PDB file of N, CA and C in Angstrom:
ATOM      1  N   UNK A   1     -16.530  -6.325  10.465  1.00  0.00           N
ATOM      2  CA  UNK A   1     -15.668  -5.385   9.788  1.00  0.00           C
ATOM      3  C   UNK A   1     -15.716  -4.047  10.515  1.00  0.00           C
ATOM      4  N   UNK A   2     -14.581  -3.458  10.668  1.00  0.00           N
ATOM      5  CA  UNK A   2     -14.462  -2.151  11.289  1.00  0.00           C
ATOM      6  C   UNK A   2     -14.898  -1.095  10.277  1.00  0.00           C
ATOM      7  N   UNK A   3     -15.520  -0.026  10.752  1.00  0.00           N
ATOM      8  CA  UNK A   3     -15.921   1.057   9.861  1.00  0.00           C
ATOM      9  C   UNK A   3     -14.662   1.744   9.343  1.00  0.00           C
ATOM     10  N   UNK A   4     -14.284   1.419   8.138  1.00  0.00           N
ATOM     11  CA  UNK A   4     -13.040   1.884   7.536  1.00  0.00           C
ATOM     12  C   UNK A   4     -13.248   3.212   6.835  1.00  0.00           C
ATOM     13  N   UNK A   5     -12.353   4.144   7.081  1.00  0.00           N
ATOM     14  CA  UNK A   5     -12.417   5.406   6.347  1.00  0.00           C
ATOM     15  C   UNK A   5     -11.930   5.157   4.923  1.00  0.00           C
ATOM     16  N   UNK A   6     -12.057   6.154   4.091  1.00  0.00           N
ATOM     17  CA  UNK A   6     -11.688   6.008   2.683  1.00  0.00           C
ATOM     18  C   UNK A   6     -10.632   7.030   2.287  1.00  0.00           C
ATOM     19  N   UNK A   7      -9.421   6.916   2.823  1.00  0.00           N
ATOM     20  CA  UNK A   7      -8.401   7.919   2.509  1.00  0.00           C
ATOM     21  C   UNK A   7      -7.916   7.874   1.063  1.00  0.00           C
ATOM     22  N   UNK A   8      -8.275   6.838   0.312  1.00  0.00           N
ATOM     23  CA  UNK A   8      -7.793   6.719  -1.060  1.00  0.00           C
ATOM     24  C   UNK A   8      -8.909   6.875  -2.082  1.00  0.00           C
ATOM     25  N   UNK A   9      -9.990   7.555  -1.685  1.00  0.00           N
ATOM     26  CA  UNK A   9     -11.036   7.893  -2.638  1.00  0.00           C
ATOM     27  C   UNK A   9     -12.265   7.018  -2.590  1.00  0.00           C
ATOM     28  N   UNK A  10     -12.213   5.910  -1.927  1.00  0.00           N
ATOM     29  CA  UNK A  10     -13.367   5.023  -1.821  1.00  0.00           C
ATOM     30  C   UNK A  10     -13.012   3.825  -0.973  1.00  0.00           C
ATOM     31  N   UNK A  11     -14.030   3.204  -0.382  1.00  0.00           N
ATOM     32  CA  UNK A  11     -13.761   2.066   0.487  1.00  0.00           C
ATOM     33  C   UNK A  11     -13.144   0.900  -0.267  1.00  0.00           C
ATOM     34  N   UNK A  12     -13.613   0.640  -1.480  1.00  0.00           N
ATOM     35  CA  UNK A  12     -13.052  -0.483  -2.238  1.00  0.00           C
ATOM     36  C   UNK A  12     -11.597  -0.207  -2.582  1.00  0.00           C
ATOM     37  N   UNK A  13     -11.280   1.004  -3.012  1.00  0.00           N
ATOM     38  CA  UNK A  13      -9.888   1.353  -3.318  1.00  0.00           C
ATOM     39  C   UNK A  13      -9.006   1.182  -2.088  1.00  0.00           C
ATOM     40  N   UNK A  14      -9.480   1.632  -0.946  1.00  0.00           N
ATOM     41  CA  UNK A  14      -8.705   1.524   0.290  1.00  0.00           C
ATOM     42  C   UNK A  14      -8.525   0.069   0.680  1.00  0.00           C
ATOM     43  N   UNK A  15      -9.596  -0.719   0.612  1.00  0.00           N
ATOM     44  CA  UNK A  15      -9.494  -2.135   0.991  1.00  0.00           C
ATOM     45  C   UNK A  15      -8.601  -2.918   0.026  1.00  0.00           C
ATOM     46  N   UNK A  16      -8.616  -2.569  -1.263  1.00  0.00           N
ATOM     47  CA  UNK A  16      -7.720  -3.216  -2.232  1.00  0.00           C
ATOM     48  C   UNK A  16      -6.268  -2.915  -1.867  1.00  0.00           C
ATOM     49  N   UNK A  17      -5.979  -1.678  -1.523  1.00  0.00           N
ATOM     50  CA  UNK A  17      -4.611  -1.326  -1.111  1.00  0.00           C
ATOM     51  C   UNK A  17      -4.199  -2.077   0.152  1.00  0.00           C
ATOM     52  N   UNK A  18      -5.105  -2.178   1.113  1.00  0.00           N
ATOM     53  CA  UNK A  18      -4.789  -2.911   2.348  1.00  0.00           C
ATOM     54  C   UNK A  18      -4.494  -4.373   2.038  1.00  0.00           C
ATOM     55  N   UNK A  19      -5.322  -4.974   1.196  1.00  0.00           N
ATOM     56  CA  UNK A  19      -5.109  -6.380   0.840  1.00  0.00           C
ATOM     57  C   UNK A  19      -3.796  -6.558   0.080  1.00  0.00           C
ATOM     58  N   UNK A  20      -3.497  -5.646  -0.830  1.00  0.00           N
ATOM     59  CA  UNK A  20      -2.228  -5.752  -1.563  1.00  0.00           C
ATOM     60  C   UNK A  20      -1.041  -5.588  -0.623  1.00  0.00           C
ATOM     61  N   UNK A  21      -1.174  -4.751   0.378  1.00  0.00           N
ATOM     62  CA  UNK A  21      -0.085  -4.587   1.359  1.00  0.00           C
ATOM     63  C   UNK A  21       0.140  -5.889   2.104  1.00  0.00           C
ATOM     64  N   UNK A  22      -0.936  -6.572   2.478  1.00  0.00           N
ATOM     65  CA  UNK A  22      -0.802  -7.826   3.214  1.00  0.00           C
ATOM     66  C   UNK A  22      -0.363  -8.985   2.317  1.00  0.00           C
ATOM     67  N   UNK A  23      -0.858  -9.016   1.082  1.00  0.00           N
ATOM     68  CA  UNK A  23      -0.546 -10.120   0.165  1.00  0.00           C
ATOM     69  C   UNK A  23       0.743  -9.915  -0.614  1.00  0.00           C
ATOM     70  N   UNK A  24       1.196  -8.689  -0.736  1.00  0.00           N
ATOM     71  CA  UNK A  24       2.356  -8.276  -1.518  1.00  0.00           C
ATOM     72  C   UNK A  24       2.076  -8.263  -3.016  1.00  0.00           C
ATOM     73  N   UNK A  25       1.391  -9.272  -3.539  1.00  0.00           N
ATOM     74  CA  UNK A  25       1.051  -9.310  -4.959  1.00  0.00           C
ATOM     75  C   UNK A  25      -0.202 -10.156  -5.111  1.00  0.00           C
ATOM     76  N   UNK A  26      -1.106  -9.734  -5.975  1.00  0.00           N
ATOM     77  CA  UNK A  26      -2.358 -10.464  -6.150  1.00  0.00           C
ATOM     78  C   UNK A  26      -2.994 -10.106  -7.478  1.00  0.00           C
ATOM     79  N   UNK A  27      -4.096 -10.779  -7.785  1.00  0.00           N
ATOM     80  CA  UNK A  27      -4.852 -10.525  -9.001  1.00  0.00           C
ATOM     81  C   UNK A  27      -6.314 -10.288  -8.622  1.00  0.00           C
ATOM     82  N   UNK A  28      -7.093  -9.799  -9.564  1.00  0.00           N
ATOM     83  CA  UNK A  28      -8.446  -9.327  -9.278  1.00  0.00           C
ATOM     84  C   UNK A  28      -9.335 -10.389  -8.628  1.00  0.00           C
ATOM     85  N   UNK A  29      -9.371 -11.588  -9.162  1.00  0.00           N
ATOM     86  CA  UNK A  29     -10.264 -12.619  -8.601  1.00  0.00           C
ATOM     87  C   UNK A  29      -9.867 -13.020  -7.185  1.00  0.00           C
ATOM     88  N   UNK A  30      -8.583 -13.109  -6.927  1.00  0.00           N
ATOM     89  CA  UNK A  30      -8.133 -13.434  -5.575  1.00  0.00           C
ATOM     90  C   UNK A  30      -8.543 -12.323  -4.610  1.00  0.00           C
ATOM     91  N   UNK A  31      -8.411 -11.089  -5.041  1.00  0.00           N
ATOM     92  CA  UNK A  31      -8.812  -9.959  -4.200  1.00  0.00           C
ATOM     93  C   UNK A  31     -10.314  -9.971  -3.933  1.00  0.00           C
ATOM     94  N   UNK A  32     -11.115 -10.375  -4.914  1.00  0.00           N
ATOM     95  CA  UNK A  32     -12.563 -10.437  -4.683  1.00  0.00           C
ATOM     96  C   UNK A  32     -12.901 -11.478  -3.627  1.00  0.00           C
ATOM     97  N   UNK A  33     -12.176 -12.581  -3.603  1.00  0.00           N
ATOM     98  CA  UNK A  33     -12.408 -13.606  -2.574  1.00  0.00           C
ATOM     99  C   UNK A  33     -11.997 -13.096  -1.197  1.00  0.00           C
ATOM    100  N   UNK A  34     -10.847 -12.452  -1.126  1.00  0.00           N
ATOM    101  CA  UNK A  34     -10.343 -11.954   0.157  1.00  0.00           C
ATOM    102  C   UNK A  34     -11.220 -10.822   0.685  1.00  0.00           C
ATOM    103  N   UNK A  35     -11.610  -9.914  -0.188  1.00  0.00           N
ATOM    104  CA  UNK A  35     -12.374  -8.739   0.227  1.00  0.00           C
ATOM    105  C   UNK A  35     -13.873  -8.984   0.260  1.00  0.00           C
ATOM    106  N   UNK A  36     -14.306 -10.090  -0.352  1.00  0.00           N
ATOM    107  CA  UNK A  36     -15.738 -10.381  -0.475  1.00  0.00           C
ATOM    108  C   UNK A  36     -16.451  -9.198  -1.113  1.00  0.00           C
ATOM    109  N   UNK A  37     -15.907  -8.779  -2.235  1.00  0.00           N
ATOM    110  CA  UNK A  37     -16.425  -7.630  -2.983  1.00  0.00           C
ATOM    111  C   UNK A  37     -16.689  -8.063  -4.419  1.00  0.00           C
ATOM    112  N   UNK A  38     -17.551  -7.354  -5.135  1.00  0.00           N
ATOM    113  CA  UNK A  38     -17.822  -7.700  -6.535  1.00  0.00           C
ATOM    114  C   UNK A  38     -16.585  -7.516  -7.415  1.00  0.00           C
ATOM    115  N   UNK A  39     -16.447  -8.395  -8.394  1.00  0.00           N
ATOM    116  CA  UNK A  39     -15.294  -8.358  -9.290  1.00  0.00           C
ATOM    117  C   UNK A  39     -15.179  -7.014 -10.014  1.00  0.00           C
ATOM    118  N   UNK A  40     -16.290  -6.497 -10.513  1.00  0.00           N
ATOM    119  CA  UNK A  40     -16.241  -5.230 -11.252  1.00  0.00           C
ATOM    120  C   UNK A  40     -15.724  -4.094 -10.373  1.00  0.00           C
ATOM    121  N   UNK A  41     -16.140  -4.055  -9.122  1.00  0.00           N
ATOM    122  CA  UNK A  41     -15.680  -3.010  -8.209  1.00  0.00           C
ATOM    123  C   UNK A  41     -14.188  -3.114  -7.924  1.00  0.00           C
ATOM    124  N   UNK A  42     -13.712  -4.345  -7.742  1.00  0.00           N
ATOM    125  CA  UNK A  42     -12.280  -4.558  -7.488  1.00  0.00           C
ATOM    126  C   UNK A  42     -11.469  -4.193  -8.731  1.00  0.00           C
ATOM    127  N   UNK A  43     -11.946  -4.605  -9.913  1.00  0.00           N
ATOM    128  CA  UNK A  43     -11.233  -4.263 -11.144  1.00  0.00           C
ATOM    129  C   UNK A  43     -11.178  -2.754 -11.349  1.00  0.00           C
ATOM    130  N   UNK A  44     -12.287  -2.064 -11.105  1.00  0.00           N
ATOM    131  CA  UNK A  44     -12.289  -0.601 -11.235  1.00  0.00           C
ATOM    132  C   UNK A  44     -11.305   0.034 -10.263  1.00  0.00           C
ATOM    133  N   UNK A  45     -11.271  -0.476  -9.038  1.00  0.00           N
ATOM    134  CA  UNK A  45     -10.341   0.054  -8.039  1.00  0.00           C
ATOM    135  C   UNK A  45      -8.898  -0.193  -8.471  1.00  0.00           C
ATOM    136  N   UNK A  46      -8.603  -1.389  -8.972  1.00  0.00           N
ATOM    137  CA  UNK A  46      -7.245  -1.711  -9.422  1.00  0.00           C
ATOM    138  C   UNK A  46      -6.805  -0.796 -10.561  1.00  0.00           C
ATOM    139  N   UNK A  47      -7.661  -0.618 -11.539  1.00  0.00           N
ATOM    140  CA  UNK A  47      -7.274   0.215 -12.680  1.00  0.00           C
ATOM    141  C   UNK A  47      -7.140   1.676 -12.276  1.00  0.00           C
ATOM    142  N   UNK A  48      -8.001   2.146 -11.385  1.00  0.00           N
ATOM    143  CA  UNK A  48      -7.885   3.517 -10.901  1.00  0.00           C
ATOM    144  C   UNK A  48      -6.617   3.737 -10.104  1.00  0.00           C
ATOM    145  N   UNK A  49      -6.282   2.788  -9.224  1.00  0.00           N
ATOM    146  CA  UNK A  49      -5.054   2.896  -8.425  1.00  0.00           C
ATOM    147  C   UNK A  49      -3.816   2.822  -9.315  1.00  0.00           C
ATOM    148  N   UNK A  50      -3.869   1.989 -10.355  1.00  0.00           N
ATOM    149  CA  UNK A  50      -2.745   1.901 -11.295  1.00  0.00           C
ATOM    150  C   UNK A  50      -2.611   3.209 -12.072  1.00  0.00           C
ATOM    151  N   UNK A  51      -3.734   3.773 -12.480  1.00  0.00           N
ATOM    152  CA  UNK A  51      -3.716   5.049 -13.210  1.00  0.00           C
ATOM    153  C   UNK A  51      -3.139   6.162 -12.335  1.00  0.00           C
ATOM    154  N   UNK A  52      -3.422   6.097 -11.023  1.00  0.00           N
ATOM    155  CA  UNK A  52      -2.909   7.096 -10.083  1.00  0.00           C
ATOM    156  C   UNK A  52      -1.462   6.839  -9.681  1.00  0.00           C
ATOM    157  N   UNK A  53      -0.903   5.698 -10.092  1.00  0.00           N
ATOM    158  CA  UNK A  53       0.499   5.396  -9.820  1.00  0.00           C
ATOM    159  C   UNK A  53       0.772   4.748  -8.478  1.00  0.00           C
ATOM    160  N   UNK A  54      -0.278   4.386  -7.715  1.00  0.00           N
ATOM    161  CA  UNK A  54      -0.064   3.766  -6.408  1.00  0.00           C
ATOM    162  C   UNK A  54       0.275   2.283  -6.513  1.00  0.00           C
ATOM    163  N   UNK A  55      -0.248   1.622  -7.536  1.00  0.00           N
ATOM    164  CA  UNK A  55       0.056   0.209  -7.742  1.00  0.00           C
ATOM    165  C   UNK A  55       0.559   0.014  -9.157  1.00  0.00           C
ATOM    166  N   UNK A  56       1.200  -1.123  -9.380  1.00  0.00           N
ATOM    167  CA  UNK A  56       1.711  -1.471 -10.700  1.00  0.00           C
ATOM    168  C   UNK A  56       1.235  -2.878 -11.036  1.00  0.00           C
ATOM    169  N   UNK A  57       0.913  -3.097 -12.297  1.00  0.00           N
ATOM    170  CA  UNK A  57       0.481  -4.413 -12.747  1.00  0.00           C
ATOM    171  C   UNK A  57       1.481  -4.989 -13.717  1.00  0.00           C
ATOM    172  N   UNK A  58       1.526  -6.307 -13.745  1.00  0.00           N
ATOM    173  CA  UNK A  58       2.383  -6.989 -14.713  1.00  0.00           C
ATOM    174  C   UNK A  58       1.664  -8.244 -15.188  1.00  0.00           C
ATOM    175  N   UNK A  59       1.848  -8.596 -16.444  1.00  0.00           N
ATOM    176  CA  UNK A  59       1.190  -9.795 -16.947  1.00  0.00           C
ATOM    177  C   UNK A  59       1.893 -11.058 -16.446  1.00  0.00           C
ATOM    178  N   UNK A  60       1.090 -12.070 -16.149  1.00  0.00           N
ATOM    179  CA  UNK A  60       1.595 -13.396 -15.785  1.00  0.00           C
ATOM    180  C   UNK A  60       0.694 -14.397 -16.499  1.00  0.00           C
ATOM    181  N   UNK A  61       1.051 -14.737 -17.718  1.00  0.00           N
ATOM    182  CA  UNK A  61       0.175 -15.563 -18.534  1.00  0.00           C
ATOM    183  C   UNK A  61      -1.035 -14.744 -18.943  1.00  0.00           C
ATOM    184  N   UNK A  62      -2.232 -15.262 -18.660  1.00  0.00           N
ATOM    185  CA  UNK A  62      -3.458 -14.535 -18.979  1.00  0.00           C
ATOM    186  C   UNK A  62      -3.952 -13.699 -17.809  1.00  0.00           C
ATOM    187  N   UNK A  63      -3.202 -13.684 -16.736  1.00  0.00           N
ATOM    188  CA  UNK A  63      -3.585 -12.967 -15.521  1.00  0.00           C
ATOM    189  C   UNK A  63      -2.731 -11.720 -15.371  1.00  0.00           C
ATOM    190  N   UNK A  64      -3.282 -10.699 -14.764  1.00  0.00           N
ATOM    191  CA  UNK A  64      -2.521  -9.484 -14.465  1.00  0.00           C
ATOM    192  C   UNK A  64      -2.343  -9.409 -12.962  1.00  0.00           C
ATOM    193  N   UNK A  65      -1.088  -9.448 -12.517  1.00  0.00           N
ATOM    194  CA  UNK A  65      -0.754  -9.366 -11.099  1.00  0.00           C
ATOM    195  C   UNK A  65      -0.486  -7.917 -10.716  1.00  0.00           C
ATOM    196  N   UNK A  66      -0.991  -7.533  -9.557  1.00  0.00           N
ATOM    197  CA  UNK A  66      -0.827  -6.162  -9.070  1.00  0.00           C
ATOM    198  C   UNK A  66      -0.077  -6.167  -7.750  1.00  0.00           C
ATOM    199  N   UNK A  67       0.674  -5.096  -7.503  1.00  0.00           N
ATOM    200  CA  UNK A  67       1.380  -4.890  -6.244  1.00  0.00           C
ATOM    201  C   UNK A  67       1.567  -3.388  -6.050  1.00  0.00           C
ATOM    202  N   UNK A  68       1.980  -2.999  -4.867  1.00  0.00           N
ATOM    203  CA  UNK A  68       2.278  -1.592  -4.654  1.00  0.00           C
ATOM    204  C   UNK A  68       3.397  -1.198  -5.601  1.00  0.00           C
ATOM    205  N   UNK A  69       3.286  -0.030  -6.170  1.00  0.00           N
ATOM    206  CA  UNK A  69       4.247   0.416  -7.173  1.00  0.00           C
ATOM    207  C   UNK A  69       5.623   0.620  -6.538  1.00  0.00           C
ATOM    208  N   UNK A  70       6.627  -0.172  -6.944  1.00  0.00           N
ATOM    209  CA  UNK A  70       7.971  -0.012  -6.359  1.00  0.00           C
ATOM    210  C   UNK A  70       8.617   1.324  -6.719  1.00  0.00           C
ATOM    211  N   UNK A  71       8.109   2.000  -7.738  1.00  0.00           N
ATOM    212  CA  UNK A  71       8.671   3.288  -8.148  1.00  0.00           C
ATOM    213  C   UNK A  71       7.910   4.476  -7.568  1.00  0.00           C
ATOM    214  N   UNK A  72       6.893   4.200  -6.755  1.00  0.00           N
ATOM    215  CA  UNK A  72       6.128   5.293  -6.161  1.00  0.00           C
ATOM    216  C   UNK A  72       7.043   6.093  -5.239  1.00  0.00           C
ATOM    217  N   UNK A  73       7.001   7.409  -5.338  1.00  0.00           N
ATOM    218  CA  UNK A  73       7.962   8.260  -4.636  1.00  0.00           C
ATOM    219  C   UNK A  73       7.898   8.125  -3.115  1.00  0.00           C
ATOM    220  N   UNK A  74       6.769   7.746  -2.569  1.00  0.00           N
ATOM    221  CA  UNK A  74       6.622   7.616  -1.109  1.00  0.00           C
ATOM    222  C   UNK A  74       6.235   6.187  -0.746  1.00  0.00           C
ATOM    223  N   UNK A  75       6.839   5.207  -1.400  1.00  0.00           N
ATOM    224  CA  UNK A  75       6.458   3.805  -1.211  1.00  0.00           C
ATOM    225  C   UNK A  75       6.624   3.365   0.238  1.00  0.00           C
ATOM    226  N   UNK A  76       7.728   3.671   0.858  1.00  0.00           N
ATOM    227  CA  UNK A  76       7.967   3.232   2.238  1.00  0.00           C
ATOM    228  C   UNK A  76       6.931   3.823   3.191  1.00  0.00           C
ATOM    229  N   UNK A  77       6.640   5.108   3.035  1.00  0.00           N
ATOM    230  CA  UNK A  77       5.647   5.761   3.885  1.00  0.00           C
ATOM    231  C   UNK A  77       4.262   5.176   3.644  1.00  0.00           C
ATOM    232  N   UNK A  78       3.939   4.899   2.374  1.00  0.00           N
ATOM    233  CA  UNK A  78       2.657   4.305   2.029  1.00  0.00           C
ATOM    234  C   UNK A  78       2.520   2.925   2.662  1.00  0.00           C
ATOM    235  N   UNK A  79       3.574   2.115   2.588  1.00  0.00           N
ATOM    236  CA  UNK A  79       3.534   0.778   3.185  1.00  0.00           C
ATOM    237  C   UNK A  79       3.308   0.849   4.694  1.00  0.00           C
ATOM    238  N   UNK A  80       4.008   1.763   5.362  1.00  0.00           N
ATOM    239  CA  UNK A  80       3.820   1.900   6.809  1.00  0.00           C
ATOM    240  C   UNK A  80       2.395   2.343   7.142  1.00  0.00           C
ATOM    241  N   UNK A  81       1.878   3.288   6.367  1.00  0.00           N
ATOM    242  CA  UNK A  81       0.521   3.780   6.592  1.00  0.00           C
ATOM    243  C   UNK A  81      -0.501   2.665   6.378  1.00  0.00           C
ATOM    244  N   UNK A  82      -0.355   1.905   5.300  1.00  0.00           N
ATOM    245  CA  UNK A  82      -1.288   0.809   5.027  1.00  0.00           C
ATOM    246  C   UNK A  82      -1.206  -0.270   6.098  1.00  0.00           C
ATOM    247  N   UNK A  83      -0.005  -0.574   6.552  1.00  0.00           N
ATOM    248  CA  UNK A  83       0.143  -1.560   7.613  1.00  0.00           C
ATOM    249  C   UNK A  83      -0.568  -1.094   8.877  1.00  0.00           C
ATOM    250  N   UNK A  84      -0.445   0.180   9.171  1.00  0.00           N
ATOM    251  CA  UNK A  84      -1.129   0.752  10.336  1.00  0.00           C
ATOM    252  C   UNK A  84      -2.654   0.675  10.168  1.00  0.00           C
ATOM    253  N   UNK A  85      -3.142   0.920   8.951  1.00  0.00           N
ATOM    254  CA  UNK A  85      -4.577   0.836   8.691  1.00  0.00           C
ATOM    255  C   UNK A  85      -5.108  -0.586   8.792  1.00  0.00           C
ATOM    256  N   UNK A  86      -4.260  -1.598   8.608  1.00  0.00           N
ATOM    257  CA  UNK A  86      -4.723  -2.990   8.707  1.00  0.00           C
ATOM    258  C   UNK A  86      -4.870  -3.459  10.149  1.00  0.00           C
ATOM    259  N   UNK A  87      -4.324  -2.720  11.108  1.00  0.00           N
ATOM    260  CA  UNK A  87      -4.375  -3.161  12.509  1.00  0.00           C
ATOM    261  C   UNK A  87      -5.789  -3.466  12.991  1.00  0.00           C
ATOM    262  N   UNK A  88      -6.797  -2.611  12.772  1.00  0.00           N
ATOM    263  CA  UNK A  88      -8.142  -2.953  13.240  1.00  0.00           C
ATOM    264  C   UNK A  88      -8.885  -3.928  12.327  1.00  0.00           C
ATOM    265  N   UNK A  89      -8.315  -4.280  11.209  1.00  0.00           N
ATOM    266  CA  UNK A  89      -8.961  -5.160  10.230  1.00  0.00           C
ATOM    267  C   UNK A  89      -8.627  -6.631  10.497  1.00  0.00           C
ATOM    268  N   UNK A  90      -9.010  -7.150  11.650  1.00  0.00           N
ATOM    269  CA  UNK A  90      -8.675  -8.530  12.013  1.00  0.00           C
ATOM    270  C   UNK A  90      -9.322  -9.537  11.061  1.00  0.00           C
ATOM    271  N   UNK A  91     -10.522  -9.252  10.578  1.00  0.00           N
ATOM    272  CA  UNK A  91     -11.191 -10.159   9.648  1.00  0.00           C
ATOM    273  C   UNK A  91     -10.413 -10.266   8.337  1.00  0.00           C
ATOM    274  N   UNK A  92      -9.969  -9.140   7.807  1.00  0.00           N
ATOM    275  CA  UNK A  92      -9.179  -9.132   6.575  1.00  0.00           C
ATOM    276  C   UNK A  92      -7.844  -9.848   6.791  1.00  0.00           C
ATOM    277  N   UNK A  93      -7.181  -9.585   7.887  1.00  0.00           N
ATOM    278  CA  UNK A  93      -5.897 -10.250   8.163  1.00  0.00           C
ATOM    279  C   UNK A  93      -6.083 -11.757   8.287  1.00  0.00           C
ATOM    280  N   UNK A  94      -7.186 -12.196   8.883  1.00  0.00           N
ATOM    281  CA  UNK A  94      -7.451 -13.631   9.030  1.00  0.00           C
ATOM    282  C   UNK A  94      -7.695 -14.277   7.661  1.00  0.00           C
ATOM    283  N   UNK A  95      -8.473 -13.621   6.803  1.00  0.00           N
ATOM    284  CA  UNK A  95      -8.726 -14.180   5.463  1.00  0.00           C
ATOM    285  C   UNK A  95      -7.445 -14.254   4.646  1.00  0.00           C
ATOM    286  N   UNK A  96      -6.564 -13.280   4.771  1.00  0.00           N
ATOM    287  CA  UNK A  96      -5.287 -13.306   4.058  1.00  0.00           C
ATOM    288  C   UNK A  96      -4.416 -14.434   4.599  1.00  0.00           C
ATOM    289  N   UNK A  97      -4.417 -14.618   5.905  1.00  0.00           N
ATOM    290  CA  UNK A  97      -3.578 -15.648   6.520  1.00  0.00           C
ATOM    291  C   UNK A  97      -3.990 -17.054   6.096  1.00  0.00           C
ATOM    292  N   UNK A  98      -5.272 -17.280   5.887  1.00  0.00           N
ATOM    293  CA  UNK A  98      -5.712 -18.624   5.521  1.00  0.00           C
ATOM    294  C   UNK A  98      -5.751 -18.847   4.006  1.00  0.00           C
ATOM    295  N   UNK A  99      -5.391 -17.851   3.245  1.00  0.00           N
ATOM    296  CA  UNK A  99      -5.375 -17.958   1.789  1.00  0.00           C
ATOM    297  C   UNK A  99      -4.238 -18.866   1.342  1.00  0.00           C
ATOM    298  N   UNK A 100      -4.572 -19.828   0.508  1.00  0.00           N
ATOM    299  CA  UNK A 100      -3.562 -20.751  -0.012  1.00  0.00           C
ATOM    300  C   UNK A 100      -2.921 -20.115  -1.233  1.00  0.00           C
ATOM    301  N   UNK A 101      -1.610 -19.901  -1.205  1.00  0.00           N
ATOM    302  CA  UNK A 101      -0.926 -19.192  -2.278  1.00  0.00           C
ATOM    303  C   UNK A 101      -0.208 -20.100  -3.269  1.00  0.00           C
ATOM    304  N   UNK A 102      -0.042 -21.364  -2.943  1.00  0.00           N
ATOM    305  CA  UNK A 102       0.656 -22.244  -3.892  1.00  0.00           C
ATOM    306  C   UNK A 102       0.081 -23.646  -3.782  1.00  0.00           C
ATOM    307  N   UNK A 103       0.305 -24.480  -4.778  1.00  0.00           N
ATOM    308  CA  UNK A 103      -0.261 -25.838  -4.739  1.00  0.00           C
ATOM    309  C   UNK A 103       0.333 -26.675  -3.611  1.00  0.00           C
ATOM    310  N   UNK A 104      -0.487 -27.581  -3.098  1.00  0.00           N
ATOM    311  CA  UNK A 104      -0.040 -28.496  -2.058  1.00  0.00           C
ATOM    312  C   UNK A 104       0.804 -29.603  -2.689  1.00  0.00           C
ATOM    313  N   UNK A 105       1.904 -29.937  -2.036  1.00  0.00           N
ATOM    314  CA  UNK A 105       2.769 -31.013  -2.512  1.00  0.00           C
ATOM    315  C   UNK A 105       1.978 -32.330  -2.531  1.00  0.00           C
ATOM    316  N   UNK A 106       2.150 -33.107  -3.575  1.00  0.00           N
ATOM    317  CA  UNK A 106       1.456 -34.385  -3.692  1.00  0.00           C
ATOM    318  C   UNK A 106       1.780 -35.315  -2.533  1.00  0.00           C
ATOM    319  N   UNK A 107       0.761 -35.976  -2.001  1.00  0.00           N
ATOM    320  CA  UNK A 107       0.952 -36.914  -0.912  1.00  0.00           C
ATOM    321  C   UNK A 107       1.029 -36.283   0.469  1.00  0.00           C
ATOM    322  N   UNK A 108       1.005 -34.974   0.540  1.00  0.00           N
ATOM    323  CA  UNK A 108       1.100 -34.294   1.827  1.00  0.00           C
ATOM    324  C   UNK A 108      -0.266 -34.370   2.519  1.00  0.00           C
ATOM    325  N   UNK A 109      -0.300 -34.745   3.814  1.00  0.00           N
ATOM    326  CA  UNK A 109      -1.584 -34.840   4.503  1.00  0.00           C
ATOM    327  C   UNK A 109      -2.217 -33.459   4.691  1.00  0.00           C
ATOM    328  N   UNK A 110      -3.552 -33.443   4.698  1.00  0.00           N
ATOM    329  CA  UNK A 110      -4.267 -32.196   4.930  1.00  0.00           C
ATOM    330  C   UNK A 110      -4.184 -31.888   6.382  1.00  0.00           C
TER     331      UNK A 110
END
């Protein structure tokens, strides 16, 4: 892992934003797997970022999905900045790339 600065108030908050930028939408447990961080820390970061208006959550059954806030006044600039911050994070990009996002079709070979 590259020594990541904390422009958003803490390393966990920054890494959650980076992961959300790469994943587009996610939930707390998935983020803990991708970030290899404790669930409580990720949940605190998510709620703090939502309170600050950087991300938005929506219910999906019993799960709460989070994404970058589409109503954030500088959303495009934030997305570009986060994408730029992910460049040295090859480990994070690799974990996101290998993440399975939907069920495998029945009968499909592994």
